Amino acid sequence: MNTPQASEVWIRLQKELPQWVEESRAQCGEGKVASYIPELAKAPHRALGIQIMNGSGASIAAGDAAIPFTMQSISKVFTLLLALMDNGEAAVFDKVGMEPTGDNFNSMLKLELVQPGIPFNPLINAGAIVISSLIAGARMEEKSDRVLQFFRKLAANDFLEVNEAVYQSEAASADLNRSMAYFLKDNGVLKGKVDEVLDVYFRHCSINVTCADLARMALVLAFDGTDPITGERHIPRRYVQIAKTFMVTCGMYNASGEFAIEVGMPAKSGVAGGILTLVPGRYGIGVVGPALNPKGNSIAGVDLLETLSQRLDWSLF
């Protein structure tokens, strides 16, 4: 990438990022807060925040970066990584595919239409439910605790917790996810008890974070699995390559192609309004904006990332 020197970019971010946030905040009125999980409907409609962290641990925050929100589908990137570390590539991709679907994230259409009946990728709901079944652990509680501890390590935050209100709301409104899980179970793809697998899934989607947590987790991905602040390797480089490729091709639901063209950064969104993204070898970025566009992505958050990518030449392409 032909970019200005990092110090010049950092100075520009310190100066201009608050203004860019306010410009993008105007988009919030065009979006809608997720309501199919009732607890998510309580999120502040006009909130927009961002935190950017560099490899030395310095960070810049603007807007409503301090508000907590649940990871939702962003968590799928990291459960995929944990499943790969637990099982290896062959076992994981025997149960999920590697291709975008072009369908909504909660669609089960292709499970029956396209053989052999495995989810197209790990970042749609069906795929993430299968991935949740592959987390090592003798009991549901052990699996969920391993996920939480892994997330805490990557975020360098021992206080990450499951938002119980969102977890309960998600579990109570998950008929479609249950339908997918039972179909996968009947098809021989999902192993284990459906209710226990779904409980692991609901809990990791309901982990509370802030933009700072997402930025630190993204920083580990930006540096190929090593935390550049501590020097500790958390994830094998090969598995991070896999995860980042999925983020480019599938991370923004069925708007991933458009996002790749307009922004060109590996990213994963969630319906609570979060977006995790990164600039390889340089920055980890966390964004929150609960008002969503029709594809389920933060409408103001996407607009803000387009601004950053275009003005700072951050696209990989």
Protein backbone atom coordinates (compact mmCIF):
# COMPACT_ATOMS: atom_id res chain seq x y z
CA MET A 1 0.00 0.00 0.00
CA ASN A 2 1.26 3.47 -0.85
CA THR A 3 0.54 5.17 2.47
CA PRO A 4 2.02 8.16 4.28
CA GLN A 5 4.52 7.43 7.03
CA ALA A 6 2.85 5.90 10.07
CA SER A 7 3.62 8.91 12.27
CA GLU A 8 1.95 11.23 9.78
CA VAL A 9 -1.12 8.99 9.68
CA TRP A 10 -1.29 8.94 13.49
CA ILE A 11 -1.09 12.73 13.69
CA ARG A 12 -3.80 13.04 11.08
CA LEU A 13 -6.02 10.58 12.94
CA GLN A 14 -5.61 12.52 16.18
CA LYS A 15 -6.63 15.69 14.38
CA GLU A 16 -9.40 14.54 12.04
CA LEU A 17 -10.95 11.35 13.45
CA PRO A 18 -13.48 13.13 15.73
CA GLN A 19 -14.74 15.15 12.76
CA TRP A 20 -15.02 12.05 10.56
CA VAL A 21 -17.06 10.34 13.29
CA GLU A 22 -19.49 13.23 13.47
CA GLU A 23 -19.84 13.33 9.69
CA SER A 24 -20.68 9.61 9.61
CA ARG A 25 -23.04 9.88 12.59
CA ALA A 26 -25.51 11.62 10.27
CA GLN A 27 -26.07 8.20 8.66
CA CYS A 28 -27.60 6.79 11.85
CA GLY A 29 -31.01 8.18 10.99
CA GLU A 30 -31.12 5.93 7.92
CA GLY A 31 -30.56 2.75 9.93
CA LYS A 32 -32.51 0.61 12.37
CA VAL A 33 -31.38 -0.97 15.63
CA ALA A 34 -31.69 -4.78 15.64
CA SER A 35 -34.92 -5.87 17.31
CA TYR A 36 -35.27 -9.58 16.47
CA ILE A 37 -33.28 -10.14 19.68
CA PRO A 38 -35.44 -7.92 21.92
CA GLU A 39 -32.65 -6.86 24.29
CA LEU A 40 -30.63 -5.40 21.39
CA ALA A 41 -33.46 -2.96 20.63
CA LYS A 42 -32.45 -0.99 23.74
CA ALA A 43 -29.17 0.18 22.15
CA PRO A 44 -28.69 3.93 21.57
CA HIS A 45 -29.74 4.60 17.98
CA ARG A 46 -27.40 7.53 17.27
CA ALA A 47 -24.30 6.14 18.96
CA LEU A 48 -21.11 5.88 16.93
CA GLY A 49 -17.63 5.26 18.26
CA ILE A 50 -14.23 3.99 17.17
CA GLN A 51 -10.90 3.04 18.72
CA ILE A 52 -7.70 2.46 16.74
CA MET A 53 -4.66 0.79 18.37
CA ASN A 54 -1.15 0.53 16.98
CA GLY A 55 1.50 -2.10 17.59
CA SER A 56 3.05 -0.23 20.49
CA GLY A 57 -0.26 -0.13 22.34
CA ALA A 58 -1.04 3.53 21.74
CA SER A 59 -4.66 4.17 20.83
CA ILE A 60 -6.94 6.89 19.55
CA ALA A 61 -10.66 6.90 20.37
CA ALA A 62 -13.46 9.11 19.10
CA GLY A 63 -17.19 9.34 19.56
CA ASP A 64 -18.99 6.81 21.75
CA ALA A 65 -16.14 4.31 21.88
CA ALA A 66 -16.65 3.55 25.58
CA ILE A 67 -20.20 2.17 25.35
CA PRO A 68 -20.47 -1.59 25.93
CA PHE A 69 -22.13 -3.88 23.40
CA THR A 70 -22.24 -7.61 22.70
CA MET A 71 -19.99 -9.22 20.13
CA GLN A 72 -22.72 -11.15 18.32
CA SER A 73 -21.31 -12.45 15.01
CA ILE A 74 -17.88 -10.89 15.59
CA SER A 75 -17.32 -13.71 18.07
CA LYS A 76 -17.51 -16.21 15.19
CA VAL A 77 -14.03 -15.24 13.97
CA PHE A 78 -12.51 -16.19 17.29
CA THR A 79 -14.50 -19.37 17.92
CA LEU A 80 -13.34 -20.45 14.45
CA LEU A 81 -9.75 -19.83 15.51
CA LEU A 82 -10.23 -21.76 18.74
CA ALA A 83 -11.87 -24.66 16.88
CA LEU A 84 -8.95 -24.75 14.44
CA MET A 85 -6.50 -24.82 17.34
CA ASP A 86 -8.51 -27.62 19.00
CA ASN A 87 -9.10 -29.78 15.93
CA GLY A 88 -6.92 -28.74 12.98
CA GLU A 89 -8.01 -27.71 9.49
CA ALA A 90 -9.10 -31.08 8.13
CA ALA A 91 -11.58 -31.78 10.94
CA VAL A 92 -13.05 -28.27 10.87
CA PHE A 93 -13.52 -28.09 7.10
CA ASP A 94 -15.04 -31.52 7.03
CA LYS A 95 -17.99 -29.87 8.82
CA VAL A 96 -18.10 -26.37 7.27
CA GLY A 97 -17.26 -24.99 3.85
CA MET A 98 -15.07 -22.14 2.67
CA GLU A 99 -17.38 -20.20 0.34
CA PRO A 100 -19.61 -17.11 0.59
CA THR A 101 -23.34 -17.80 0.35
CA GLY A 102 -24.86 -14.60 -1.04
CA ASP A 103 -27.74 -15.26 1.38
CA ASN A 104 -28.74 -13.66 4.66
CA PHE A 105 -26.60 -14.69 7.66
CA ASN A 106 -29.49 -16.65 9.19
CA SER A 107 -30.65 -18.38 6.00
CA MET A 108 -30.84 -22.17 5.93
CA LEU A 109 -31.83 -22.35 2.25
CA LYS A 110 -28.64 -23.91 0.91
CA LEU A 111 -28.33 -26.49 3.68
CA GLU A 112 -30.92 -28.58 1.87
CA LEU A 113 -30.37 -27.45 -1.71
CA VAL A 114 -26.60 -27.86 -2.00
CA GLN A 115 -24.94 -31.14 -1.10
CA PRO A 116 -23.30 -32.39 1.05
CA GLY A 117 -25.47 -30.27 3.32
CA ILE A 118 -22.76 -28.58 5.36
CA PRO A 119 -22.85 -24.81 6.04
CA PHE A 120 -21.11 -22.80 3.34
CA ASN A 121 -18.75 -21.04 5.77
CA PRO A 122 -18.07 -20.58 9.51
CA LEU A 123 -19.35 -16.98 9.70
CA ILE A 124 -23.01 -17.58 8.88
CA ASN A 125 -25.20 -18.74 11.76
CA ALA A 126 -25.40 -22.38 10.65
CA GLY A 127 -21.62 -22.54 10.28
CA ALA A 128 -20.95 -20.85 13.60
CA ILE A 129 -23.29 -23.26 15.38
CA VAL A 130 -21.31 -26.18 13.94
CA ILE A 131 -18.07 -24.49 14.98
CA SER A 132 -19.43 -24.12 18.52
CA SER A 133 -19.88 -27.89 18.62
CA LEU A 134 -16.18 -28.34 17.80
CA ILE A 135 -14.86 -26.38 20.81
CA ALA A 136 -13.04 -28.83 23.07
CA GLY A 137 -14.52 -29.55 26.48
CA ALA A 138 -16.29 -32.35 28.30
CA ARG A 139 -19.29 -30.22 29.23
CA MET A 140 -21.11 -27.17 27.92
CA GLU A 141 -19.80 -25.06 30.83
CA GLU A 142 -16.21 -26.03 30.08
CA LYS A 143 -16.58 -25.14 26.41
CA SER A 144 -18.11 -21.75 27.21
CA ASP A 145 -15.43 -21.02 29.80
CA ARG A 146 -12.65 -21.88 27.33
CA VAL A 147 -14.18 -19.47 24.80
CA LEU A 148 -14.44 -16.69 27.39
CA GLN A 149 -10.87 -17.20 28.60
CA PHE A 150 -9.58 -17.17 25.01
CA PHE A 151 -11.41 -13.91 24.30
CA ARG A 152 -10.11 -12.38 27.54
CA LYS A 153 -6.54 -13.28 26.59
CA LEU A 154 -6.81 -11.76 23.11
CA ALA A 155 -8.47 -8.59 24.43
CA ALA A 156 -6.01 -8.38 27.37
CA ASN A 157 -9.07 -7.88 29.55
CA ASP A 158 -9.80 -10.33 32.37
CA PHE A 159 -13.14 -8.64 33.02
CA LEU A 160 -14.95 -9.65 29.83
CA GLU A 161 -18.24 -11.32 30.74
CA VAL A 162 -21.40 -12.65 29.14
CA ASN A 163 -24.22 -10.10 29.13
CA GLU A 164 -26.85 -12.25 30.85
CA ALA A 165 -29.79 -10.12 29.72
CA VAL A 166 -28.77 -10.41 26.06
CA TYR A 167 -28.00 -14.11 26.47
CA GLN A 168 -31.45 -14.79 27.90
CA SER A 169 -33.11 -12.67 25.22
CA GLU A 170 -31.16 -14.41 22.48
CA ALA A 171 -31.96 -17.88 23.80
CA ALA A 172 -35.65 -17.03 24.09
CA SER A 173 -35.96 -15.75 20.51
CA ALA A 174 -33.86 -18.32 18.65
CA ASP A 175 -36.39 -20.55 16.93
CA LEU A 176 -34.68 -20.21 13.54
CA ASN A 177 -31.26 -21.06 14.99
CA ARG A 178 -32.80 -24.08 16.70
CA SER A 179 -34.34 -25.16 13.41
CA MET A 180 -30.95 -24.97 11.71
CA ALA A 181 -29.25 -26.85 14.54
CA TYR A 182 -31.76 -29.70 14.48
CA PHE A 183 -31.48 -29.92 10.69
CA LEU A 184 -27.70 -30.10 10.98
CA LYS A 185 -28.02 -32.72 13.71
CA ASP A 186 -30.38 -34.81 11.58
CA ASN A 187 -27.99 -34.49 8.63
CA GLY A 188 -25.09 -35.85 10.69
CA VAL A 189 -23.14 -32.59 10.59
CA LEU A 190 -23.71 -31.43 14.18
CA LYS A 191 -22.38 -33.63 16.97
CA GLY A 192 -23.52 -33.38 20.57
CA LYS A 193 -26.78 -32.28 22.17
CA VAL A 194 -28.44 -29.45 20.26
CA ASP A 195 -29.44 -27.42 23.32
CA GLU A 196 -25.92 -27.60 24.75
CA VAL A 197 -24.27 -26.58 21.48
CA LEU A 198 -26.71 -23.67 21.11
CA ASP A 199 -26.01 -22.56 24.67
CA VAL A 200 -22.30 -22.26 23.86
CA TYR A 201 -23.22 -20.32 20.71
CA PHE A 202 -25.62 -17.93 22.47
CA ARG A 203 -23.12 -17.26 25.23
CA HIS A 204 -20.19 -16.35 22.98
CA CYS A 205 -22.41 -14.07 20.91
CA SER A 206 -23.47 -12.34 24.16
CA ILE A 207 -20.00 -11.47 25.47
CA ASN A 208 -19.83 -7.75 26.31
CA VAL A 209 -16.99 -5.68 24.84
CA THR A 210 -16.07 -2.09 24.02
CA CYS A 211 -14.28 -0.69 20.99
CA ALA A 212 -11.02 -0.94 22.95
CA ASP A 213 -11.50 -4.68 23.38
CA LEU A 214 -12.22 -5.17 19.68
CA ALA A 215 -9.20 -3.06 18.71
CA ARG A 216 -6.88 -5.15 20.89
CA MET A 217 -8.31 -8.42 19.53
CA ALA A 218 -7.98 -7.10 15.98
CA LEU A 219 -4.39 -6.09 16.68
CA VAL A 220 -3.49 -9.74 17.30
CA LEU A 221 -4.96 -10.60 13.89
CA ALA A 222 -3.15 -7.64 12.28
CA PHE A 223 0.13 -9.12 13.51
CA ASP A 224 -0.64 -12.68 12.35
CA GLY A 225 -1.52 -14.14 15.74
CA THR A 226 1.14 -12.46 17.87
CA ASP A 227 0.28 -9.74 20.37
CA PRO A 228 2.78 -7.05 19.35
CA ILE A 229 2.49 -5.36 22.74
CA THR A 230 3.55 -8.40 24.79
CA GLY A 231 5.32 -10.38 22.08
CA GLU A 232 3.27 -13.48 22.95
CA ARG A 233 1.99 -15.70 20.13
CA HIS A 234 -1.63 -16.60 20.77
CA ILE A 235 -2.67 -18.18 17.45
CA PRO A 236 -0.74 -19.99 14.70
CA ARG A 237 -0.14 -17.74 11.70
CA ARG A 238 -1.82 -20.17 9.29
CA TYR A 239 -5.09 -20.08 11.22
CA VAL A 240 -5.07 -16.28 11.29
CA GLN A 241 -4.60 -16.30 7.51
CA ILE A 242 -7.69 -18.49 7.22
CA ALA A 243 -9.73 -16.26 9.51
CA LYS A 244 -8.74 -13.05 7.72
CA THR A 245 -9.62 -14.57 4.36
CA PHE A 246 -13.08 -15.42 5.65
CA MET A 247 -13.39 -11.87 6.98
CA VAL A 248 -12.74 -10.47 3.50
CA THR A 249 -15.07 -12.87 1.68
CA CYS A 250 -17.83 -13.41 4.27
CA GLY A 251 -17.29 -11.04 7.21
CA MET A 252 -19.86 -8.39 6.32
CA TYR A 253 -22.70 -10.80 5.57
CA ASN A 254 -23.98 -10.57 2.00
CA ALA A 255 -22.47 -7.10 1.65
CA SER A 256 -18.92 -8.49 1.87
CA GLY A 257 -18.13 -7.91 -1.81
CA GLU A 258 -19.29 -4.30 -1.68
CA PHE A 259 -17.31 -3.73 1.53
CA ALA A 260 -14.18 -5.22 -0.08
CA ILE A 261 -14.52 -2.80 -2.98
CA GLU A 262 -15.38 0.31 -0.96
CA VAL A 263 -13.19 -0.32 2.13
CA GLY A 264 -10.87 -3.22 1.30
CA MET A 265 -10.00 -4.27 4.87
CA PRO A 266 -10.63 -7.62 6.58
CA ALA A 267 -13.66 -7.07 8.83
CA LYS A 268 -16.38 -8.79 10.81
CA SER A 269 -19.62 -7.17 11.86
CA GLY A 270 -22.27 -8.04 14.42
CA VAL A 271 -25.94 -7.10 14.75
CA ALA A 272 -25.28 -5.20 18.00
CA GLY A 273 -23.53 -2.68 15.74
CA GLY A 274 -19.93 -3.68 16.25
CA ILE A 275 -17.32 -3.98 13.49
CA LEU A 276 -13.85 -5.42 14.05
CA THR A 277 -11.32 -4.59 11.35
CA LEU A 278 -7.60 -4.10 10.90
CA VAL A 279 -4.77 -2.76 8.80
CA PRO A 280 -2.29 -5.67 8.47
CA GLY A 281 0.93 -5.14 10.37
CA ARG A 282 -0.20 -1.75 11.67
CA TYR A 283 -3.55 -1.26 13.41
CA GLY A 284 -6.39 -3.01 15.17
CA ILE A 285 -9.73 -1.19 14.93
CA GLY A 286 -13.01 -1.50 16.84
CA VAL A 287 -16.18 0.34 15.79
CA VAL A 288 -19.67 0.50 17.27
CA GLY A 289 -22.81 1.97 15.73
CA PRO A 290 -26.04 0.11 16.64
CA ALA A 291 -28.16 1.51 13.78
CA LEU A 292 -27.94 -1.09 11.00
CA ASN A 293 -28.37 -1.02 7.23
CA PRO A 294 -30.64 -3.61 5.53
CA LYS A 295 -27.74 -6.10 5.31
CA GLY A 296 -27.28 -6.10 9.10
CA ASN A 297 -24.12 -3.95 9.26
CA SER A 298 -23.64 -0.71 11.19
CA ILE A 299 -24.71 1.94 8.68
CA ALA A 300 -22.62 4.74 10.19
CA GLY A 301 -19.76 2.39 11.03
CA VAL A 302 -19.43 1.26 7.42
CA ASP A 303 -19.54 4.88 6.27
CA LEU A 304 -16.79 5.80 8.76
CA LEU A 305 -14.58 2.93 7.61
CA GLU A 306 -15.07 3.96 3.99
CA THR A 307 -13.85 7.43 4.95
CA LEU A 308 -10.79 6.07 6.76
CA SER A 309 -9.88 3.67 3.95
CA GLN A 310 -10.26 6.20 1.18
CA ARG A 311 -8.56 9.14 2.90
CA LEU A 312 -5.69 7.10 4.33
CA ASP A 313 -5.35 4.57 1.48
CA TRP A 314 -5.87 1.56 3.73
CA SER A 315 -7.45 -0.78 1.18
CA LEU A 316 -5.57 -4.04 0.64
CA PHE A 317 -6.48 -3.85 -3.02
